[in-house]
Every structure is written in structure tokens, then in C-alpha cells.
């Protein structure tokens, strides 16, 4: 119960704007102040996302595809019903989300790249982390796979939520369809994050890890969503860095 309540509370914090998906600098703390956003980037509480619609949509597409590929691997490599159920939900959700992204891009005559062009070194590192994660997951089976996949899902969704919140903050003149998309994502991603956190809690219990488990309570912004650019230990959406451990 303690872990579940913790996960719900953290998801609520993220939903109200506590985290952003594309982070080029560590989040601001009482002792430090986040640097101003670079030109062409939206900044929110130290996290950033590109304000150019094409660049942002490419990152969403990257995140969706990363999540789908990892979830498909989870269906094959996991033996845990909770993990497999979560992965099925991720495939369905991100497939629908990606269709929405691609359909909208088509109406805007935008051809999205499969791999976004990194805007800085942090984003390059995040993309590399995504590839390294996928390579690692392909070598794992059973419980080791479950632990790696689910812990990275928590961090990936922290990053994805952050990118969306930054975009909502900065893309004030976006078309109505984009605004609707951002609103939907800001509502759905915290739910996904909380589901990943609760599933990770069950894994911790099965392995005898007590309390709120470091991995489950860790907000790893080193992913690009992925898990990701949005995606996994490195979710995209921009650049990321720093880890906040929640107790």
C-alpha cells in the first residue's frame, strides 16, 4: 500500500507540472536556478522541448516507436503476467498515439524522420542510452528482464511527461490538434508511469526488496521515451540529466 500511494502521489505531482521530458540541464533546486532555454526550445522547471512542430513530433514518434519495440520484446522475454499485461497496454496505447502523431503530421505536410537529429550532446547521449538499453534487454529473460524493463519504464515516463509539460508551456500558438494531443498526453502518461511503478513494486516484493525500492522511487531523466526519447533509461524529448530519488 505504501508503494502504491507513493506512486499515485508522484504521478499527481508529475501531472501538475513537476517533471519535463526533454531536459538539457538538471532540474532547479533551492540552491540552483535552471539556465534559460535555448532558442527554439520551451523550458519548464529546468526541462526542455523543441517548439518547432516538426522537431517535437519527431521526438514523439521516436518515443512511441521505442516504447512499442520494447513492449513487443517484453511480450516475448517476460514470464510475469503483470509485466506482459503492462506491455500489451503500452503497445496498444503507443500504437494509437503514434497514429495520431503521423496523421497530424500528414495534415501539416510534414515528413517525420525515424530518428530525430540530436540538438546537443545531452540528447546524443540519451539516444545512445536508448540503444544500449534495447541491446541489453535483448540479452535478458525472465525476472532480470522484468526488473530492467520496468525500472526503465518509470524513468522513461518521467522524461516523457517532462517533455510534454515543457511543450505545453512553450507551444502556445500551436494548432488546436496539437494542443489537444498535448492535453491527452499529459493525462495519459502519468497513468502509465504509475502503472509501471506499481508493477515494479510487485517485482521488488517478489525479489524481497523492501520499502519503496530505489529503482521504483527513482526519477531517472537520463532516458530520451524511452525509453526512451521519451523512452527508457534515456527517453528523448530533448536532453536529460540528473536523477531525483524519491523516498
Protein backbone atom coordinates (compact mmCIF):
# COMPACT_ATOMS: atom_id res chain seq x y z
CA UNK A 1 0.00 0.00 0.00
CA UNK A 2 2.85 2.36 0.85
CA UNK A 3 4.37 1.92 -2.60
CA UNK A 4 1.01 2.31 -4.33
CA UNK A 5 0.17 5.53 -2.51
CA UNK A 6 3.66 6.81 -3.22
CA UNK A 7 3.26 6.07 -6.92
CA UNK A 8 -0.12 7.81 -7.09
CA UNK A 9 1.22 10.85 -5.29
CA UNK A 10 4.24 11.10 -7.58
CA UNK A 11 2.06 10.74 -10.67
CA UNK A 12 -0.08 13.60 -9.39
CA UNK A 13 3.00 15.75 -8.92
CA UNK A 14 4.14 14.99 -12.46
CA UNK A 15 0.71 15.75 -13.86
CA UNK A 16 0.67 19.17 -12.23
CA UNK A 17 3.99 20.01 -13.84
CA UNK A 18 6.75 18.71 -11.61
CA UNK A 19 8.75 17.00 -14.35
CA UNK A 20 9.55 17.58 -18.03
CA UNK A 21 10.60 15.19 -20.77
CA UNK A 22 13.36 16.98 -22.52
CA UNK A 23 15.90 18.16 -20.04
CA UNK A 24 19.12 19.89 -21.01
CA UNK A 25 20.08 20.71 -17.50
CA UNK A 26 19.43 19.29 -14.06
CA UNK A 27 16.18 20.46 -12.51
CA UNK A 28 16.30 23.60 -10.42
CA UNK A 29 16.74 23.14 -6.67
CA UNK A 30 16.53 25.70 -3.84
CA UNK A 31 20.27 26.28 -4.30
CA UNK A 32 20.37 26.45 -8.08
CA UNK A 33 18.39 28.07 -10.84
CA UNK A 34 17.79 26.42 -14.20
CA UNK A 35 19.50 28.18 -17.12
CA UNK A 36 17.29 29.97 -19.66
CA UNK A 37 16.01 27.90 -22.54
CA UNK A 38 17.99 27.95 -25.75
CA UNK A 39 16.43 29.49 -28.84
CA UNK A 40 13.78 27.23 -30.29
CA UNK A 41 13.27 25.35 -27.03
CA UNK A 42 10.47 25.55 -24.48
CA UNK A 43 11.56 25.41 -20.85
CA UNK A 44 9.59 24.32 -17.83
CA UNK A 45 11.13 23.82 -14.39
CA UNK A 46 14.53 23.05 -15.89
CA UNK A 47 13.29 20.71 -18.61
CA UNK A 48 13.02 21.48 -22.30
CA UNK A 49 11.26 20.53 -25.52
CA UNK A 50 11.63 21.88 -29.07
CA UNK A 51 8.99 24.43 -30.06
CA UNK A 52 9.29 23.60 -33.76
CA UNK A 53 6.27 21.35 -34.52
CA UNK A 54 8.23 19.01 -36.80
CA UNK A 55 11.06 18.56 -34.29
CA UNK A 56 8.63 17.92 -31.47
CA UNK A 57 6.52 15.47 -33.47
CA UNK A 58 9.66 13.57 -34.48
CA UNK A 59 10.50 13.12 -30.82
CA UNK A 60 7.01 11.92 -30.02
CA UNK A 61 7.25 9.46 -32.93
CA UNK A 62 10.62 8.24 -31.69
CA UNK A 63 9.27 7.76 -28.18
CA UNK A 64 6.22 5.88 -29.41
CA UNK A 65 8.27 3.55 -31.59
CA UNK A 66 10.79 2.93 -28.80
CA UNK A 67 8.01 2.04 -26.37
CA UNK A 68 6.34 -0.29 -28.89
CA UNK A 69 9.58 -2.14 -29.67
CA UNK A 70 10.45 -2.60 -26.00
CA UNK A 71 6.92 -3.74 -25.16
CA UNK A 72 6.95 -6.26 -28.02
CA UNK A 73 10.21 -7.63 -26.63
CA UNK A 74 8.60 -7.80 -23.17
CA UNK A 75 5.83 -9.97 -24.58
CA UNK A 76 8.48 -12.47 -25.70
CA UNK A 77 11.02 -12.24 -22.89
CA UNK A 78 8.90 -11.83 -19.77
CA UNK A 79 7.20 -14.66 -17.90
CA UNK A 80 5.41 -12.33 -15.48
CA UNK A 81 1.69 -11.78 -16.21
CA UNK A 82 1.72 -8.24 -14.79
CA UNK A 83 4.67 -7.24 -16.98
CA UNK A 84 3.13 -8.85 -20.05
CA UNK A 85 -0.20 -7.12 -19.37
CA UNK A 86 1.57 -3.77 -18.96
CA UNK A 87 3.50 -4.35 -22.18
CA UNK A 88 0.29 -5.13 -24.07
CA UNK A 89 -1.21 -1.89 -22.81
CA UNK A 90 1.89 0.00 -23.93
CA UNK A 91 1.70 -1.49 -27.42
CA UNK A 92 -1.96 -0.56 -27.79
CA UNK A 93 -1.58 2.92 -26.29
CA UNK A 94 1.57 3.96 -28.14
CA UNK A 95 0.39 2.50 -31.43
CA UNK A 96 -2.73 4.66 -31.18
CA UNK A 97 -0.68 7.67 -30.07
CA UNK A 98 1.77 7.23 -32.93
CA UNK A 99 -1.05 7.03 -35.45
CA UNK A 100 -2.34 10.32 -34.10
CA UNK A 101 1.12 11.87 -34.45
CA UNK A 102 1.61 10.62 -38.00
CA UNK A 103 -1.89 11.58 -39.11
CA UNK A 104 -1.43 15.09 -37.77
CA UNK A 105 1.99 15.41 -39.41
CA UNK A 106 0.42 14.40 -42.72
CA UNK A 107 -2.22 17.14 -42.46
CA UNK A 108 0.64 19.62 -41.93
CA UNK A 109 2.65 18.22 -44.88
CA UNK A 110 5.45 17.22 -42.52
CA UNK A 111 7.63 14.18 -43.23
CA UNK A 112 8.95 12.93 -39.92
CA UNK A 113 12.36 11.34 -39.56
CA UNK A 114 12.51 7.96 -37.81
CA UNK A 115 15.48 9.17 -35.79
CA UNK A 116 15.40 12.82 -34.70
CA UNK A 117 18.57 14.82 -35.16
CA UNK A 118 20.12 15.46 -31.76
CA UNK A 119 20.30 19.13 -30.90
CA UNK A 120 23.10 18.83 -28.32
CA UNK A 121 25.46 16.41 -26.60
CA UNK A 122 22.97 15.52 -23.89
CA UNK A 123 20.44 14.42 -26.45
CA UNK A 124 23.09 12.37 -28.28
CA UNK A 125 23.91 10.62 -25.02
CA UNK A 126 20.23 9.97 -24.37
CA UNK A 127 19.81 8.38 -27.79
CA UNK A 128 22.89 6.24 -27.18
CA UNK A 129 21.44 5.19 -23.82
CA UNK A 130 18.23 4.12 -25.56
CA UNK A 131 20.15 1.90 -27.97
CA UNK A 132 22.23 0.45 -25.16
CA UNK A 133 19.08 -0.33 -23.20
CA UNK A 134 17.47 -2.13 -26.13
CA UNK A 135 20.65 -4.11 -26.70
CA UNK A 136 20.71 -5.10 -23.03
CA UNK A 137 17.03 -6.06 -22.93
CA UNK A 138 17.56 -8.39 -25.89
CA UNK A 139 20.02 -10.41 -23.80
CA UNK A 140 17.71 -10.84 -20.79
CA UNK A 141 14.88 -13.21 -19.97
CA UNK A 142 12.50 -13.73 -17.08
CA UNK A 143 13.00 -11.81 -13.84
CA UNK A 144 16.20 -9.98 -14.92
CA UNK A 145 14.35 -8.71 -17.99
CA UNK A 146 11.33 -7.68 -15.93
CA UNK A 147 13.42 -5.71 -13.45
CA UNK A 148 15.40 -3.89 -16.15
CA UNK A 149 12.38 -3.18 -18.33
CA UNK A 150 10.04 -1.95 -15.60
CA UNK A 151 12.59 0.20 -13.77
CA UNK A 152 13.45 1.90 -17.05
CA UNK A 153 9.78 2.39 -17.80
CA UNK A 154 9.46 4.53 -14.70
CA UNK A 155 12.35 6.77 -15.76
CA UNK A 156 11.18 6.87 -19.37
CA UNK A 157 7.76 8.12 -18.37
CA UNK A 158 9.22 10.72 -16.04
CA UNK A 159 11.10 12.01 -19.06
CA UNK A 160 8.11 11.82 -21.41
CA UNK A 161 5.87 13.69 -19.00
CA UNK A 162 8.51 16.38 -18.68
CA UNK A 163 8.82 16.89 -22.41
CA UNK A 164 5.07 17.22 -22.79
CA UNK A 165 4.79 19.69 -19.92
CA UNK A 166 7.59 21.79 -21.43
CA UNK A 167 5.86 21.73 -24.81
CA UNK A 168 2.54 22.76 -23.28
CA UNK A 169 4.35 25.64 -21.61
CA UNK A 170 6.06 26.87 -24.76
CA UNK A 171 3.89 25.96 -27.75
CA UNK A 172 1.16 28.47 -27.01
CA UNK A 173 0.35 29.17 -30.67
CA UNK A 174 0.21 25.53 -31.77
CA UNK A 175 -2.73 24.32 -33.91
CA UNK A 176 -5.76 23.09 -31.99
CA UNK A 177 -4.97 19.48 -32.91
CA UNK A 178 -1.51 19.78 -31.34
CA UNK A 179 -2.94 21.35 -28.19
CA UNK A 180 -5.45 18.52 -27.88
CA UNK A 181 -2.69 15.97 -28.37
CA UNK A 182 -0.58 17.54 -25.62
CA UNK A 183 -3.54 17.60 -23.25
CA UNK A 184 -4.25 13.93 -23.89
CA UNK A 185 -0.62 13.01 -23.31
CA UNK A 186 -0.45 14.99 -20.07
CA UNK A 187 -3.39 12.94 -18.83
CA UNK A 188 -2.33 9.50 -20.06
CA UNK A 189 1.41 9.46 -19.39
CA UNK A 190 1.13 9.87 -15.58
CA UNK A 191 -1.23 6.88 -15.57
CA UNK A 192 1.33 4.82 -17.47
CA UNK A 193 4.06 5.94 -15.11
CA UNK A 194 2.05 4.93 -12.06
CA UNK A 195 1.23 1.54 -13.58
CA UNK A 196 4.94 0.95 -14.22
CA UNK A 197 5.79 2.00 -10.67
CA UNK A 198 3.21 -0.36 -9.15
CA UNK A 199 4.35 -3.25 -11.35
CA UNK A 200 7.93 -2.56 -10.29
CA UNK A 201 6.79 -2.64 -6.67
CA UNK A 202 5.40 -6.14 -7.13
CA UNK A 203 8.69 -7.23 -8.67
CA UNK A 204 10.56 -5.76 -5.70
CA UNK A 205 8.30 -7.68 -3.32
CA UNK A 206 8.89 -10.90 -5.27
CA UNK A 207 12.65 -10.38 -5.05
CA UNK A 208 12.48 -9.43 -1.38
CA UNK A 209 13.32 -5.77 -1.89
CA UNK A 210 11.57 -3.92 0.90
CA UNK A 211 10.23 -0.43 1.27
CA UNK A 212 9.87 1.89 -1.66
CA UNK A 213 12.71 0.32 -3.63
CA UNK A 214 15.30 2.73 -5.01
CA UNK A 215 14.54 1.96 -8.62
CA UNK A 216 10.79 2.36 -8.29
CA UNK A 217 11.18 5.66 -6.49
CA UNK A 218 13.85 6.93 -8.81
CA UNK A 219 13.03 9.53 -11.42
CA UNK A 220 15.65 8.76 -13.99
CA UNK A 221 15.79 11.59 -16.50
CA UNK A 222 18.65 10.08 -18.39
CA UNK A 223 16.36 8.49 -20.95
CA UNK A 224 15.28 10.09 -24.02
CA UNK A 225 10.81 7.68 -24.05
CA UNK A 226 12.08 5.91 -23.70
CA UNK A 227 12.79 4.53 -23.22
CA UNK A 228 13.39 6.19 -24.47
CA UNK A 229 13.48 9.59 -26.22
CA UNK A 230 10.54 9.52 -24.08
CA UNK A 231 11.58 6.24 -23.95
CA UNK A 232 13.66 4.19 -21.49
CA UNK A 233 16.66 4.88 -19.43
CA UNK A 234 17.11 7.55 -21.89
CA UNK A 235 13.95 9.00 -23.12
CA UNK A 236 14.05 11.51 -25.79
CA UNK A 237 12.29 14.70 -25.99
CA UNK A 238 15.37 16.57 -25.69
CA UNK A 239 18.18 16.06 -23.35
CA UNK A 240 18.16 14.77 -19.89
CA UNK A 241 20.30 14.55 -16.88
CA UNK A 242 20.27 14.18 -13.15
CA UNK A 243 18.32 11.76 -11.00
CA UNK A 244 15.86 12.57 -8.29
CA UNK A 245 15.42 9.81 -5.76
CA UNK A 246 12.07 9.89 -4.07
CA UNK A 247 11.72 8.37 -0.66
